[in-house]
Amino acid sequence: MNHFSRMTNPPKLLNRALLAACALLLGASGTLLVRLIAQRAELSAAATRASLAEEEARSLRQQLEAERLLAAAQNRLLRSALLGNTAPPPQSAPASSPGP
């Protein structure tokens, strides 16, 4: 083999080294891609959990408000009963009551 043919055809060892380097880079990029996909799935799951927690908090606030309104109505009825009033408080009376 003459000097010219060695210059135009890289040695097999260099080709193998380049192939090995490319394989390592592909493997590393594949690993990174898998990690990114896993992290995206984790973020999506976290966002879903946060959304569910917000919905539960909203529901609990509504339930607490309903219980507060019920307690206020019960307090008015109890106060009225303790003061000797037999008629219901004006807040719980119907808007238009028919006459006798």
PDB file of N, CA and C in Angstrom:
ATOM      1  N   MET A   1       0.858  -1.169   0.000  1.00  0.00           N
ATOM      2  CA  MET A   1       0.000   0.000   0.000  1.00  0.00           C
ATOM      3  C   MET A   1       0.904   1.233   0.000  1.00  0.00           C
ATOM      4  N   ASN A   2       0.611   2.146  -0.867  1.00  0.00           N
ATOM      5  CA  ASN A   2       1.476   3.319  -0.955  1.00  0.00           C
ATOM      6  C   ASN A   2       0.995   4.420  -0.012  1.00  0.00           C
ATOM      7  N   HIS A   3       1.781   5.442   0.097  1.00  0.00           N
ATOM      8  CA  HIS A   3       1.488   6.555   1.001  1.00  0.00           C
ATOM      9  C   HIS A   3       0.187   7.255   0.620  1.00  0.00           C
ATOM     10  N   PHE A   4      -0.104   7.420  -0.648  1.00  0.00           N
ATOM     11  CA  PHE A   4      -1.298   8.109  -1.116  1.00  0.00           C
ATOM     12  C   PHE A   4      -2.564   7.367  -0.713  1.00  0.00           C
ATOM     13  N   SER A   5      -2.614   6.069  -0.815  1.00  0.00           N
ATOM     14  CA  SER A   5      -3.817   5.323  -0.473  1.00  0.00           C
ATOM     15  C   SER A   5      -4.091   5.383   1.029  1.00  0.00           C
ATOM     16  N   ARG A   6      -3.071   5.443   1.855  1.00  0.00           N
ATOM     17  CA  ARG A   6      -3.287   5.585   3.295  1.00  0.00           C
ATOM     18  C   ARG A   6      -3.850   6.965   3.636  1.00  0.00           C
ATOM     19  N   MET A   7      -3.507   7.965   2.867  1.00  0.00           N
ATOM     20  CA  MET A   7      -3.988   9.310   3.137  1.00  0.00           C
ATOM     21  C   MET A   7      -5.465   9.455   2.727  1.00  0.00           C
ATOM     22  N   THR A   8      -5.885   8.818   1.667  1.00  0.00           N
ATOM     23  CA  THR A   8      -7.252   8.969   1.190  1.00  0.00           C
ATOM     24  C   THR A   8      -8.213   8.019   1.895  1.00  0.00           C
ATOM     25  N   ASN A   9      -7.775   6.895   2.383  1.00  0.00           N
ATOM     26  CA  ASN A   9      -8.606   5.936   3.106  1.00  0.00           C
ATOM     27  C   ASN A   9      -8.200   5.948   4.574  1.00  0.00           C
ATOM     28  N   PRO A  10      -9.046   6.509   5.454  1.00  0.00           N
ATOM     29  CA  PRO A  10      -8.665   6.549   6.870  1.00  0.00           C
ATOM     30  C   PRO A  10      -8.522   5.125   7.416  1.00  0.00           C
ATOM     31  N   PRO A  11      -7.685   4.940   8.364  1.00  0.00           N
ATOM     32  CA  PRO A  11      -7.491   3.606   8.924  1.00  0.00           C
ATOM     33  C   PRO A  11      -8.786   3.088   9.556  1.00  0.00           C
ATOM     34  N   LYS A  12      -8.926   1.783   9.601  1.00  0.00           N
ATOM     35  CA  LYS A  12     -10.121   1.159  10.171  1.00  0.00           C
ATOM     36  C   LYS A  12     -10.284   1.526  11.642  1.00  0.00           C
ATOM     37  N   LEU A  13      -9.183   1.683  12.336  1.00  0.00           N
ATOM     38  CA  LEU A  13      -9.249   2.025  13.762  1.00  0.00           C
ATOM     39  C   LEU A  13      -9.918   3.377  13.965  1.00  0.00           C
ATOM     40  N   LEU A  14      -9.611   4.328  13.109  1.00  0.00           N
ATOM     41  CA  LEU A  14     -10.239   5.645  13.215  1.00  0.00           C
ATOM     42  C   LEU A  14     -11.737   5.550  12.906  1.00  0.00           C
ATOM     43  N   ASN A  15     -12.092   4.771  11.901  1.00  0.00           N
ATOM     44  CA  ASN A  15     -13.506   4.575  11.582  1.00  0.00           C
ATOM     45  C   ASN A  15     -14.238   3.962  12.767  1.00  0.00           C
ATOM     46  N   ARG A  16     -13.631   2.972  13.363  1.00  0.00           N
ATOM     47  CA  ARG A  16     -14.263   2.318  14.524  1.00  0.00           C
ATOM     48  C   ARG A  16     -14.379   3.283  15.694  1.00  0.00           C
ATOM     49  N   ALA A  17     -13.378   4.103  15.897  1.00  0.00           N
ATOM     50  CA  ALA A  17     -13.425   5.079  16.986  1.00  0.00           C
ATOM     51  C   ALA A  17     -14.534   6.099  16.739  1.00  0.00           C
ATOM     52  N   LEU A  18     -14.671   6.531  15.492  1.00  0.00           N
ATOM     53  CA  LEU A  18     -15.733   7.481  15.155  1.00  0.00           C
ATOM     54  C   LEU A  18     -17.112   6.843  15.340  1.00  0.00           C
ATOM     55  N   LEU A  19     -17.249   5.597  14.902  1.00  0.00           N
ATOM     56  CA  LEU A  19     -18.518   4.890  15.087  1.00  0.00           C
ATOM     57  C   LEU A  19     -18.837   4.718  16.570  1.00  0.00           C
ATOM     58  N   ALA A  20     -17.818   4.378  17.349  1.00  0.00           N
ATOM     59  CA  ALA A  20     -18.030   4.216  18.785  1.00  0.00           C
ATOM     60  C   ALA A  20     -18.441   5.540  19.433  1.00  0.00           C
ATOM     61  N   ALA A  21     -17.803   6.621  19.008  1.00  0.00           N
ATOM     62  CA  ALA A  21     -18.155   7.946  19.553  1.00  0.00           C
ATOM     63  C   ALA A  21     -19.584   8.322  19.178  1.00  0.00           C
ATOM     64  N   CYS A  22     -19.951   8.050  17.932  1.00  0.00           N
ATOM     65  CA  CYS A  22     -21.325   8.334  17.509  1.00  0.00           C
ATOM     66  C   CYS A  22     -22.323   7.492  18.300  1.00  0.00           C
ATOM     67  N   ALA A  23     -22.008   6.238  18.534  1.00  0.00           N
ATOM     68  CA  ALA A  23     -22.895   5.369  19.305  1.00  0.00           C
ATOM     69  C   ALA A  23     -23.041   5.890  20.735  1.00  0.00           C
ATOM     70  N   LEU A  24     -21.938   6.331  21.323  1.00  0.00           N
ATOM     71  CA  LEU A  24     -22.002   6.896  22.679  1.00  0.00           C
ATOM     72  C   LEU A  24     -22.863   8.148  22.702  1.00  0.00           C
ATOM     73  N   LEU A  25     -22.684   9.007  21.698  1.00  0.00           N
ATOM     74  CA  LEU A  25     -23.497  10.229  21.648  1.00  0.00           C
ATOM     75  C   LEU A  25     -24.974   9.904  21.460  1.00  0.00           C
ATOM     76  N   LEU A  26     -25.261   8.947  20.605  1.00  0.00           N
ATOM     77  CA  LEU A  26     -26.656   8.548  20.413  1.00  0.00           C
ATOM     78  C   LEU A  26     -27.226   7.950  21.688  1.00  0.00           C
ATOM     79  N   GLY A  27     -26.451   7.138  22.370  1.00  0.00           N
ATOM     80  CA  GLY A  27     -26.901   6.546  23.634  1.00  0.00           C
ATOM     81  C   GLY A  27     -27.155   7.610  24.685  1.00  0.00           C
ATOM     82  N   ALA A  28     -26.238   8.578  24.773  1.00  0.00           N
ATOM     83  CA  ALA A  28     -26.404   9.655  25.749  1.00  0.00           C
ATOM     84  C   ALA A  28     -27.629  10.503  25.419  1.00  0.00           C
ATOM     85  N   SER A  29     -27.808  10.821  24.135  1.00  0.00           N
ATOM     86  CA  SER A  29     -28.972  11.632  23.776  1.00  0.00           C
ATOM     87  C   SER A  29     -30.260  10.849  23.995  1.00  0.00           C
ATOM     88  N   GLY A  30     -30.219   9.543  23.758  1.00  0.00           N
ATOM     89  CA  GLY A  30     -31.387   8.710  24.031  1.00  0.00           C
ATOM     90  C   GLY A  30     -31.718   8.684  25.508  1.00  0.00           C
ATOM     91  N   THR A  31     -30.680   8.576  26.327  1.00  0.00           N
ATOM     92  CA  THR A  31     -30.882   8.586  27.781  1.00  0.00           C
ATOM     93  C   THR A  31     -31.476   9.914  28.227  1.00  0.00           C
ATOM     94  N   LEU A  32     -30.958  11.000  27.691  1.00  0.00           N
ATOM     95  CA  LEU A  32     -31.492  12.321  28.037  1.00  0.00           C
ATOM     96  C   LEU A  32     -32.945  12.456  27.597  1.00  0.00           C
ATOM     97  N   LEU A  33     -33.247  11.926  26.421  1.00  0.00           N
ATOM     98  CA  LEU A  33     -34.618  11.991  25.928  1.00  0.00           C
ATOM     99  C   LEU A  33     -35.559  11.217  26.842  1.00  0.00           C
ATOM    100  N   VAL A  34     -35.132  10.053  27.265  1.00  0.00           N
ATOM    101  CA  VAL A  34     -35.953   9.254  28.183  1.00  0.00           C
ATOM    102  C   VAL A  34     -36.151  10.004  29.498  1.00  0.00           C
ATOM    103  N   ARG A  35     -35.095  10.634  30.001  1.00  0.00           N
ATOM    104  CA  ARG A  35     -35.214  11.413  31.242  1.00  0.00           C
ATOM    105  C   ARG A  35     -36.174  12.582  31.074  1.00  0.00           C
ATOM    106  N   LEU A  36     -36.081  13.263  29.942  1.00  0.00           N
ATOM    107  CA  LEU A  36     -36.987  14.393  29.694  1.00  0.00           C
ATOM    108  C   LEU A  36     -38.432  13.936  29.602  1.00  0.00           C
ATOM    109  N   ILE A  37     -38.659  12.811  28.962  1.00  0.00           N
ATOM    110  CA  ILE A  37     -40.024  12.284  28.872  1.00  0.00           C
ATOM    111  C   ILE A  37     -40.542  11.927  30.257  1.00  0.00           C
ATOM    112  N   ALA A  38     -39.692  11.314  31.078  1.00  0.00           N
ATOM    113  CA  ALA A  38     -40.103  10.956  32.437  1.00  0.00           C
ATOM    114  C   ALA A  38     -40.394  12.200  33.265  1.00  0.00           C
ATOM    115  N   GLN A  39     -39.558  13.218  33.136  1.00  0.00           N
ATOM    116  CA  GLN A  39     -39.794  14.455  33.884  1.00  0.00           C
ATOM    117  C   GLN A  39     -41.076  15.132  33.426  1.00  0.00           C
ATOM    118  N   ARG A  40     -41.349  15.074  32.133  1.00  0.00           N
ATOM    119  CA  ARG A  40     -42.588  15.677  31.637  1.00  0.00           C
ATOM    120  C   ARG A  40     -43.801  14.936  32.198  1.00  0.00           C
ATOM    121  N   ALA A  41     -43.709  13.616  32.275  1.00  0.00           N
ATOM    122  CA  ALA A  41     -44.799  12.835  32.857  1.00  0.00           C
ATOM    123  C   ALA A  41     -44.984  13.181  34.329  1.00  0.00           C
ATOM    124  N   GLU A  42     -43.877  13.350  35.059  1.00  0.00           N
ATOM    125  CA  GLU A  42     -43.958  13.728  36.474  1.00  0.00           C
ATOM    126  C   GLU A  42     -44.606  15.104  36.628  1.00  0.00           C
ATOM    127  N   LEU A  43     -44.227  16.053  35.777  1.00  0.00           N
ATOM    128  CA  LEU A  43     -44.816  17.395  35.846  1.00  0.00           C
ATOM    129  C   LEU A  43     -46.299  17.358  35.522  1.00  0.00           C
ATOM    130  N   SER A  44     -46.667  16.551  34.550  1.00  0.00           N
ATOM    131  CA  SER A  44     -48.077  16.425  34.198  1.00  0.00           C
ATOM    132  C   SER A  44     -48.866  15.831  35.365  1.00  0.00           C
ATOM    133  N   ALA A  45     -48.309  14.821  36.010  1.00  0.00           N
ATOM    134  CA  ALA A  45     -48.974  14.214  37.164  1.00  0.00           C
ATOM    135  C   ALA A  45     -49.086  15.219  38.304  1.00  0.00           C
ATOM    136  N   ALA A  46     -48.039  16.004  38.528  1.00  0.00           N
ATOM    137  CA  ALA A  46     -48.076  17.017  39.580  1.00  0.00           C
ATOM    138  C   ALA A  46     -49.126  18.080  39.279  1.00  0.00           C
ATOM    139  N   ALA A  47     -49.238  18.472  38.018  1.00  0.00           N
ATOM    140  CA  ALA A  47     -50.249  19.459  37.633  1.00  0.00           C
ATOM    141  C   ALA A  47     -51.655  18.904  37.850  1.00  0.00           C
ATOM    142  N   THR A  48     -51.837  17.629  37.554  1.00  0.00           N
ATOM    143  CA  THR A  48     -53.142  16.996  37.775  1.00  0.00           C
ATOM    144  C   THR A  48     -53.463  16.962  39.262  1.00  0.00           C
ATOM    145  N   ARG A  49     -52.468  16.597  40.082  1.00  0.00           N
ATOM    146  CA  ARG A  49     -52.694  16.570  41.538  1.00  0.00           C
ATOM    147  C   ARG A  49     -53.017  17.968  42.060  1.00  0.00           C
ATOM    148  N   ALA A  50     -52.330  18.985  41.553  1.00  0.00           N
ATOM    149  CA  ALA A  50     -52.594  20.358  41.986  1.00  0.00           C
ATOM    150  C   ALA A  50     -54.006  20.783  41.589  1.00  0.00           C
ATOM    151  N   SER A  51     -54.416  20.423  40.404  1.00  0.00           N
ATOM    152  CA  SER A  51     -55.762  20.764  39.950  1.00  0.00           C
ATOM    153  C   SER A  51     -56.813  20.083  40.822  1.00  0.00           C
ATOM    154  N   LEU A  52     -56.589  18.814  41.141  1.00  0.00           N
ATOM    155  CA  LEU A  52     -57.526  18.099  42.011  1.00  0.00           C
ATOM    156  C   LEU A  52     -57.560  18.721  43.412  1.00  0.00           C
ATOM    157  N   ALA A  53     -56.399  19.128  43.914  1.00  0.00           N
ATOM    158  CA  ALA A  53     -56.346  19.762  45.227  1.00  0.00           C
ATOM    159  C   ALA A  53     -57.094  21.090  45.225  1.00  0.00           C
ATOM    160  N   GLU A  54     -56.955  21.869  44.139  1.00  0.00           N
ATOM    161  CA  GLU A  54     -57.689  23.134  44.031  1.00  0.00           C
ATOM    162  C   GLU A  54     -59.192  22.886  44.010  1.00  0.00           C
ATOM    163  N   GLU A  55     -59.611  21.873  43.279  1.00  0.00           N
ATOM    164  CA  GLU A  55     -61.037  21.546  43.204  1.00  0.00           C
ATOM    165  C   GLU A  55     -61.556  21.113  44.571  1.00  0.00           C
ATOM    166  N   GLU A  56     -60.764  20.317  45.279  1.00  0.00           N
ATOM    167  CA  GLU A  56     -61.175  19.880  46.618  1.00  0.00           C
ATOM    168  C   GLU A  56     -61.251  21.070  47.571  1.00  0.00           C
ATOM    169  N   ALA A  57     -60.285  21.983  47.483  1.00  0.00           N
ATOM    170  CA  ALA A  57     -60.303  23.178  48.331  1.00  0.00           C
ATOM    171  C   ALA A  57     -61.528  24.031  48.041  1.00  0.00           C
ATOM    172  N   ARG A  58     -61.866  24.179  46.761  1.00  0.00           N
ATOM    173  CA  ARG A  58     -63.049  24.955  46.376  1.00  0.00           C
ATOM    174  C   ARG A  58     -64.311  24.300  46.952  1.00  0.00           C
ATOM    175  N   SER A  59     -64.387  22.989  46.855  1.00  0.00           N
ATOM    176  CA  SER A  59     -65.541  22.265  47.383  1.00  0.00           C
ATOM    177  C   SER A  59     -65.631  22.417  48.904  1.00  0.00           C
ATOM    178  N   LEU A  60     -64.492  22.328  49.578  1.00  0.00           N
ATOM    179  CA  LEU A  60     -64.488  22.480  51.042  1.00  0.00           C
ATOM    180  C   LEU A  60     -64.897  23.896  51.452  1.00  0.00           C
ATOM    181  N   ARG A  61     -64.459  24.905  50.679  1.00  0.00           N
ATOM    182  CA  ARG A  61     -64.872  26.289  50.986  1.00  0.00           C
ATOM    183  C   ARG A  61     -66.384  26.444  50.834  1.00  0.00           C
ATOM    184  N   GLN A  62     -66.937  25.844  49.788  1.00  0.00           N
ATOM    185  CA  GLN A  62     -68.390  25.921  49.590  1.00  0.00           C
ATOM    186  C   GLN A  62     -69.121  25.204  50.719  1.00  0.00           C
ATOM    187  N   GLN A  63     -68.613  24.052  51.124  1.00  0.00           N
ATOM    188  CA  GLN A  63     -69.239  23.305  52.221  1.00  0.00           C
ATOM    189  C   GLN A  63     -69.151  24.099  53.524  1.00  0.00           C
ATOM    190  N   LEU A  64     -68.012  24.714  53.774  1.00  0.00           N
ATOM    191  CA  LEU A  64     -67.841  25.525  54.978  1.00  0.00           C
ATOM    192  C   LEU A  64     -68.787  26.718  54.976  1.00  0.00           C
ATOM    193  N   GLU A  65     -68.965  27.365  53.834  1.00  0.00           N
ATOM    194  CA  GLU A  65     -69.892  28.500  53.737  1.00  0.00           C
ATOM    195  C   GLU A  65     -71.327  28.044  53.994  1.00  0.00           C
ATOM    196  N   ALA A  66     -71.698  26.889  53.434  1.00  0.00           N
ATOM    197  CA  ALA A  66     -73.046  26.369  53.664  1.00  0.00           C
ATOM    198  C   ALA A  66     -73.254  26.053  55.151  1.00  0.00           C
ATOM    199  N   GLU A  67     -72.252  25.473  55.781  1.00  0.00           N
ATOM    200  CA  GLU A  67     -72.365  25.175  57.211  1.00  0.00           C
ATOM    201  C   GLU A  67     -72.435  26.456  58.038  1.00  0.00           C
ATOM    202  N   ARG A  68     -71.693  27.493  57.614  1.00  0.00           N
ATOM    203  CA  ARG A  68     -71.729  28.770  58.326  1.00  0.00           C
ATOM    204  C   ARG A  68     -73.123  29.390  58.223  1.00  0.00           C
ATOM    205  N   LEU A  69     -73.705  29.349  57.019  1.00  0.00           N
ATOM    206  CA  LEU A  69     -75.050  29.894  56.842  1.00  0.00           C
ATOM    207  C   LEU A  69     -76.080  29.110  57.661  1.00  0.00           C
ATOM    208  N   LEU A  70     -75.941  27.801  57.708  1.00  0.00           N
ATOM    209  CA  LEU A  70     -76.854  26.973  58.497  1.00  0.00           C
ATOM    210  C   LEU A  70     -76.712  27.291  59.986  1.00  0.00           C
ATOM    211  N   ALA A  71     -75.477  27.434  60.458  1.00  0.00           N
ATOM    212  CA  ALA A  71     -75.260  27.759  61.867  1.00  0.00           C
ATOM    213  C   ALA A  71     -75.842  29.127  62.208  1.00  0.00           C
ATOM    214  N   ALA A  72     -75.713  30.086  61.299  1.00  0.00           N
ATOM    215  CA  ALA A  72     -76.273  31.418  61.539  1.00  0.00           C
ATOM    216  C   ALA A  72     -77.795  31.343  61.627  1.00  0.00           C
ATOM    217  N   ALA A  73     -78.411  30.557  60.744  1.00  0.00           N
ATOM    218  CA  ALA A  73     -79.870  30.415  60.784  1.00  0.00           C
ATOM    219  C   ALA A  73     -80.302  29.723  62.072  1.00  0.00           C
ATOM    220  N   GLN A  74     -79.565  28.705  62.485  1.00  0.00           N
ATOM    221  CA  GLN A  74     -79.895  28.008  63.734  1.00  0.00           C
ATOM    222  C   GLN A  74     -79.733  28.943  64.924  1.00  0.00           C
ATOM    223  N   ASN A  75     -78.721  29.783  64.899  1.00  0.00           N
ATOM    224  CA  ASN A  75     -78.518  30.748  65.989  1.00  0.00           C
ATOM    225  C   ASN A  75     -79.666  31.741  66.052  1.00  0.00           C
ATOM    226  N   ARG A  76     -80.135  32.199  64.892  1.00  0.00           N
ATOM    227  CA  ARG A  76     -81.271  33.124  64.880  1.00  0.00           C
ATOM    228  C   ARG A  76     -82.517  32.450  65.464  1.00  0.00           C
ATOM    229  N   LEU A  77     -82.763  31.201  65.059  1.00  0.00           N
ATOM    230  CA  LEU A  77     -83.922  30.478  65.600  1.00  0.00           C
ATOM    231  C   LEU A  77     -83.794  30.271  67.102  1.00  0.00           C
ATOM    232  N   LEU A  78     -82.611  29.913  67.562  1.00  0.00           N
ATOM    233  CA  LEU A  78     -82.392  29.695  68.994  1.00  0.00           C
ATOM    234  C   LEU A  78     -82.559  31.000  69.761  1.00  0.00           C
ATOM    235  N   ARG A  79     -82.002  32.076  69.253  1.00  0.00           N
ATOM    236  CA  ARG A  79     -82.136  33.382  69.912  1.00  0.00           C
ATOM    237  C   ARG A  79     -83.602  33.788  69.978  1.00  0.00           C
ATOM    238  N   SER A  80     -84.305  33.552  68.891  1.00  0.00           N
ATOM    239  CA  SER A  80     -85.721  33.890  68.850  1.00  0.00           C
ATOM    240  C   SER A  80     -86.495  33.070  69.872  1.00  0.00           C
ATOM    241  N   ALA A  81     -86.172  31.786  69.967  1.00  0.00           N
ATOM    242  CA  ALA A  81     -86.865  30.918  70.924  1.00  0.00           C
ATOM    243  C   ALA A  81     -86.542  31.326  72.352  1.00  0.00           C
ATOM    244  N   LEU A  82     -85.310  31.692  72.622  1.00  0.00           N
ATOM    245  CA  LEU A  82     -84.911  32.090  73.973  1.00  0.00           C
ATOM    246  C   LEU A  82     -85.552  33.412  74.374  1.00  0.00           C
ATOM    247  N   LEU A  83     -85.770  34.295  73.425  1.00  0.00           N
ATOM    248  CA  LEU A  83     -86.394  35.578  73.724  1.00  0.00           C
ATOM    249  C   LEU A  83     -87.909  35.470  73.794  1.00  0.00           C
ATOM    250  N   GLY A  84     -88.448  34.306  73.490  1.00  0.00           N
ATOM    251  CA  GLY A  84     -89.879  34.091  73.604  1.00  0.00           C
ATOM    252  C   GLY A  84     -90.647  34.385  72.347  1.00  0.00           C
ATOM    253  N   ASN A  85     -89.994  34.673  71.279  1.00  0.00           N
ATOM    254  CA  ASN A  85     -90.694  34.900  70.013  1.00  0.00           C
ATOM    255  C   ASN A  85     -91.103  33.545  69.440  1.00  0.00           C
ATOM    256  N   THR A  86     -92.354  33.457  69.060  1.00  0.00           N
ATOM    257  CA  THR A  86     -92.814  32.210  68.465  1.00  0.00           C
ATOM    258  C   THR A  86     -92.808  32.276  66.949  1.00  0.00           C
ATOM    259  N   ALA A  87     -92.792  33.477  66.411  1.00  0.00           N
ATOM    260  CA  ALA A  87     -92.764  33.623  64.955  1.00  0.00           C
ATOM    261  C   ALA A  87     -91.327  33.430  64.467  1.00  0.00           C
ATOM    262  N   PRO A  88     -91.165  32.878  63.285  1.00  0.00           N
ATOM    263  CA  PRO A  88     -89.798  32.728  62.758  1.00  0.00           C
ATOM    264  C   PRO A  88     -89.192  34.088  62.464  1.00  0.00           C
ATOM    265  N   PRO A  89     -87.871  34.168  62.472  1.00  0.00           N
ATOM    266  CA  PRO A  89     -87.219  35.453  62.174  1.00  0.00           C
ATOM    267  C   PRO A  89     -87.575  35.914  60.761  1.00  0.00           C
ATOM    268  N   PRO A  90     -87.535  37.215  60.513  1.00  0.00           N
ATOM    269  CA  PRO A  90     -87.937  37.749  59.206  1.00  0.00           C
ATOM    270  C   PRO A  90     -87.081  37.223  58.059  1.00  0.00           C
ATOM    271  N   GLN A  91     -85.827  36.858  58.295  1.00  0.00           N
ATOM    272  CA  GLN A  91     -84.972  36.375  57.213  1.00  0.00           C
ATOM    273  C   GLN A  91     -85.467  35.051  56.658  1.00  0.00           C
ATOM    274  N   SER A  92     -86.090  34.209  57.491  1.00  0.00           N
ATOM    275  CA  SER A  92     -86.516  32.897  57.011  1.00  0.00           C
ATOM    276  C   SER A  92     -87.970  32.887  56.579  1.00  0.00           C
ATOM    277  N   ALA A  93     -88.680  34.016  56.693  1.00  0.00           N
ATOM    278  CA  ALA A  93     -90.087  34.080  56.278  1.00  0.00           C
ATOM    279  C   ALA A  93     -90.154  34.144  54.759  1.00  0.00           C
ATOM    280  N   PRO A  94     -91.219  33.576  54.159  1.00  0.00           N
ATOM    281  CA  PRO A  94     -91.365  33.669  52.694  1.00  0.00           C
ATOM    282  C   PRO A  94     -91.525  35.120  52.263  1.00  0.00           C
ATOM    283  N   ALA A  95     -91.136  35.405  51.018  1.00  0.00           N
ATOM    284  CA  ALA A  95     -91.180  36.777  50.501  1.00  0.00           C
ATOM    285  C   ALA A  95     -92.604  37.296  50.411  1.00  0.00           C
ATOM    286  N   SER A  96     -93.539  36.478  49.981  1.00  0.00           N
ATOM    287  CA  SER A  96     -94.939  36.913  49.917  1.00  0.00           C
ATOM    288  C   SER A  96     -95.793  35.827  50.563  1.00  0.00           C
ATOM    289  N   SER A  97     -96.420  36.175  51.668  1.00  0.00           N
ATOM    290  CA  SER A  97     -97.269  35.188  52.339  1.00  0.00           C
ATOM    291  C   SER A  97     -98.722  35.580  52.126  1.00  0.00           C
ATOM    292  N   PRO A  98     -99.550  34.608  51.763  1.00  0.00           N
ATOM    293  CA  PRO A  98    -100.981  34.919  51.538  1.00  0.00           C
ATOM    294  C   PRO A  98    -101.670  35.279  52.846  1.00  0.00           C
ATOM    295  N   GLY A  99    -102.608  36.146  52.763  1.00  0.00           N
ATOM    296  CA  GLY A  99    -103.361  36.580  53.944  1.00  0.00           C
ATOM    297  C   GLY A  99    -104.400  35.549  54.327  1.00  0.00           C
ATOM    298  N   PRO A 100    -104.974  35.646  55.550  1.00  0.00           N
ATOM    299  CA  PRO A 100    -105.987  34.670  55.996  1.00  0.00           C
ATOM    300  C   PRO A 100    -107.313  34.805  55.310  1.00  0.00           C
TER     301      PRO A 100
END
